[in-house]
């Protein structure tokens, strides 16, 4: 199983590290990352493997949203099934 994590907000040092740390704490493997900085706007998409995740999905969502609030960022976690359904024509 996979999940897509998106992060958007003002650029600052350590965003990737902080999001990756939460993933590592819960045995989530980061498969692929793409990020861009446009002037002071940071945007990142992470594809993660949640097959061996040590918490339930809703806990991960809540923790990432809380991290986003602490950092002034929008962090959203979407299960691959929802992502695929939303993008199927």
C-alpha atoms as a PDB file:
ATOM      1  CA  UNK A   1       0.000   0.000   0.000  1.00  0.00           C
ATOM      2  CA  UNK A   2       1.111   3.512  -0.738  1.00  0.00           C
ATOM      3  CA  UNK A   3       0.216   7.030   0.340  1.00  0.00           C
ATOM      4  CA  UNK A   4       0.863  10.425  -1.189  1.00  0.00           C
ATOM      5  CA  UNK A   5       1.946  13.225   1.160  1.00  0.00           C
ATOM      6  CA  UNK A   6       1.776  16.814  -0.088  1.00  0.00           C
ATOM      7  CA  UNK A   7       3.324  19.811   1.639  1.00  0.00           C
ATOM      8  CA  UNK A   8       2.764  23.442   0.668  1.00  0.00           C
ATOM      9  CA  UNK A   9       3.797  26.636   2.426  1.00  0.00           C
ATOM     10  CA  UNK A  10       6.565  29.143   3.024  1.00  0.00           C
ATOM     11  CA  UNK A  11      10.028  27.731   2.483  1.00  0.00           C
ATOM     12  CA  UNK A  12      12.161  27.133   5.576  1.00  0.00           C
ATOM     13  CA  UNK A  13      15.033  24.924   6.613  1.00  0.00           C
ATOM     14  CA  UNK A  14      14.160  21.347   7.561  1.00  0.00           C
ATOM     15  CA  UNK A  15      10.735  20.727   6.026  1.00  0.00           C
ATOM     16  CA  UNK A  16      11.791  17.557   4.222  1.00  0.00           C
ATOM     17  CA  UNK A  17      13.678  16.345   7.304  1.00  0.00           C
ATOM     18  CA  UNK A  18      10.718  16.887   9.658  1.00  0.00           C
ATOM     19  CA  UNK A  19       8.185  15.157   7.409  1.00  0.00           C
ATOM     20  CA  UNK A  20      10.629  12.293   6.743  1.00  0.00           C
ATOM     21  CA  UNK A  21      11.253  11.927  10.483  1.00  0.00           C
ATOM     22  CA  UNK A  22       7.546  11.341  11.143  1.00  0.00           C
ATOM     23  CA  UNK A  23       7.557   8.749   8.361  1.00  0.00           C
ATOM     24  CA  UNK A  24      10.617   6.989   9.802  1.00  0.00           C
ATOM     25  CA  UNK A  25       9.124   6.950  13.316  1.00  0.00           C
ATOM     26  CA  UNK A  26       6.181   4.952  11.958  1.00  0.00           C
ATOM     27  CA  UNK A  27       8.107   2.573   9.659  1.00  0.00           C
ATOM     28  CA  UNK A  28       6.950   4.364   6.508  1.00  0.00           C
ATOM     29  CA  UNK A  29       9.355   4.119   3.591  1.00  0.00           C
ATOM     30  CA  UNK A  30       9.753   7.201   1.398  1.00  0.00           C
ATOM     31  CA  UNK A  31       9.868   5.904  -2.179  1.00  0.00           C
ATOM     32  CA  UNK A  32      10.067   9.109  -4.168  1.00  0.00           C
ATOM     33  CA  UNK A  33      10.168  12.846  -3.476  1.00  0.00           C
ATOM     34  CA  UNK A  34       9.736  15.828  -5.720  1.00  0.00           C
ATOM     35  CA  UNK A  35       9.984  19.352  -4.407  1.00  0.00           C
ATOM     36  CA  UNK A  36      10.121  22.861  -5.757  1.00  0.00           C
ATOM     37  CA  UNK A  37      10.842  26.237  -4.277  1.00  0.00           C
ATOM     38  CA  UNK A  38       9.341  29.170  -6.172  1.00  0.00           C
ATOM     39  CA  UNK A  39      10.621  32.374  -4.582  1.00  0.00           C
ATOM     40  CA  UNK A  40       9.547  31.702  -0.974  1.00  0.00           C
ATOM     41  CA  UNK A  41       6.855  29.078  -1.694  1.00  0.00           C
ATOM     42  CA  UNK A  42       7.734  25.447  -0.964  1.00  0.00           C
ATOM     43  CA  UNK A  43       5.845  22.563  -2.616  1.00  0.00           C
ATOM     44  CA  UNK A  44       6.609  18.870  -2.107  1.00  0.00           C
ATOM     45  CA  UNK A  45       5.027  15.574  -3.066  1.00  0.00           C
ATOM     46  CA  UNK A  46       6.190  12.337  -1.423  1.00  0.00           C
ATOM     47  CA  UNK A  47       5.217   8.852  -2.503  1.00  0.00           C
ATOM     48  CA  UNK A  48       5.458   6.520   0.485  1.00  0.00           C
ATOM     49  CA  UNK A  49       5.088   2.813   1.179  1.00  0.00           C
ATOM     50  CA  UNK A  50       2.771   2.344   4.167  1.00  0.00           C
ATOM     51  CA  UNK A  51       2.656  -1.468   4.013  1.00  0.00           C
ATOM     52  CA  UNK A  52       4.552  -1.852   7.287  1.00  0.00           C
ATOM     53  CA  UNK A  53       3.295   1.311   8.995  1.00  0.00           C
ATOM     54  CA  UNK A  54       3.258   0.983  12.793  1.00  0.00           C
ATOM     55  CA  UNK A  55       0.229   3.272  13.370  1.00  0.00           C
ATOM     56  CA  UNK A  56      -3.198   3.387  11.800  1.00  0.00           C
ATOM     57  CA  UNK A  57      -3.773   5.666   8.825  1.00  0.00           C
ATOM     58  CA  UNK A  58      -5.907   8.202  10.692  1.00  0.00           C
ATOM     59  CA  UNK A  59      -3.159   8.640  13.303  1.00  0.00           C
ATOM     60  CA  UNK A  60      -0.658   9.416  10.555  1.00  0.00           C
ATOM     61  CA  UNK A  61      -3.048  11.934   8.998  1.00  0.00           C
ATOM     62  CA  UNK A  62      -3.574  13.647  12.364  1.00  0.00           C
ATOM     63  CA  UNK A  63       0.153  13.787  13.144  1.00  0.00           C
ATOM     64  CA  UNK A  64       1.024  15.246   9.741  1.00  0.00           C
ATOM     65  CA  UNK A  65      -1.749  17.840  10.035  1.00  0.00           C
ATOM     66  CA  UNK A  66      -0.459  18.772  13.507  1.00  0.00           C
ATOM     67  CA  UNK A  67       3.097  19.080  12.175  1.00  0.00           C
ATOM     68  CA  UNK A  68       1.755  21.321   9.434  1.00  0.00           C
ATOM     69  CA  UNK A  69       0.046  23.583  11.973  1.00  0.00           C
ATOM     70  CA  UNK A  70       3.236  23.823  14.033  1.00  0.00           C
ATOM     71  CA  UNK A  71       5.269  24.788  10.958  1.00  0.00           C
ATOM     72  CA  UNK A  72       2.649  26.959   9.271  1.00  0.00           C
ATOM     73  CA  UNK A  73       2.337  24.524   6.360  1.00  0.00           C
ATOM     74  CA  UNK A  74      -0.442  22.582   4.697  1.00  0.00           C
ATOM     75  CA  UNK A  75       0.402  18.867   4.968  1.00  0.00           C
ATOM     76  CA  UNK A  76      -2.064  16.399   3.471  1.00  0.00           C
ATOM     77  CA  UNK A  77      -1.852  12.598   3.432  1.00  0.00           C
ATOM     78  CA  UNK A  78      -3.886  10.663   0.882  1.00  0.00           C
ATOM     79  CA  UNK A  79      -4.133   6.879   0.609  1.00  0.00           C
ATOM     80  CA  UNK A  80      -3.277   5.630  -2.885  1.00  0.00           C
ATOM     81  CA  UNK A  81      -6.780   4.159  -3.334  1.00  0.00           C
ATOM     82  CA  UNK A  82      -8.352   7.595  -2.880  1.00  0.00           C
ATOM     83  CA  UNK A  83      -5.671   9.217  -5.044  1.00  0.00           C
ATOM     84  CA  UNK A  84      -6.261   6.694  -7.845  1.00  0.00           C
ATOM     85  CA  UNK A  85     -10.052   7.052  -7.620  1.00  0.00           C
ATOM     86  CA  UNK A  86      -9.835  10.831  -7.834  1.00  0.00           C
ATOM     87  CA  UNK A  87      -7.631  10.684 -10.923  1.00  0.00           C
ATOM     88  CA  UNK A  88      -9.433   7.943 -12.826  1.00  0.00           C
ATOM     89  CA  UNK A  89     -11.408   9.148 -15.832  1.00  0.00           C
END
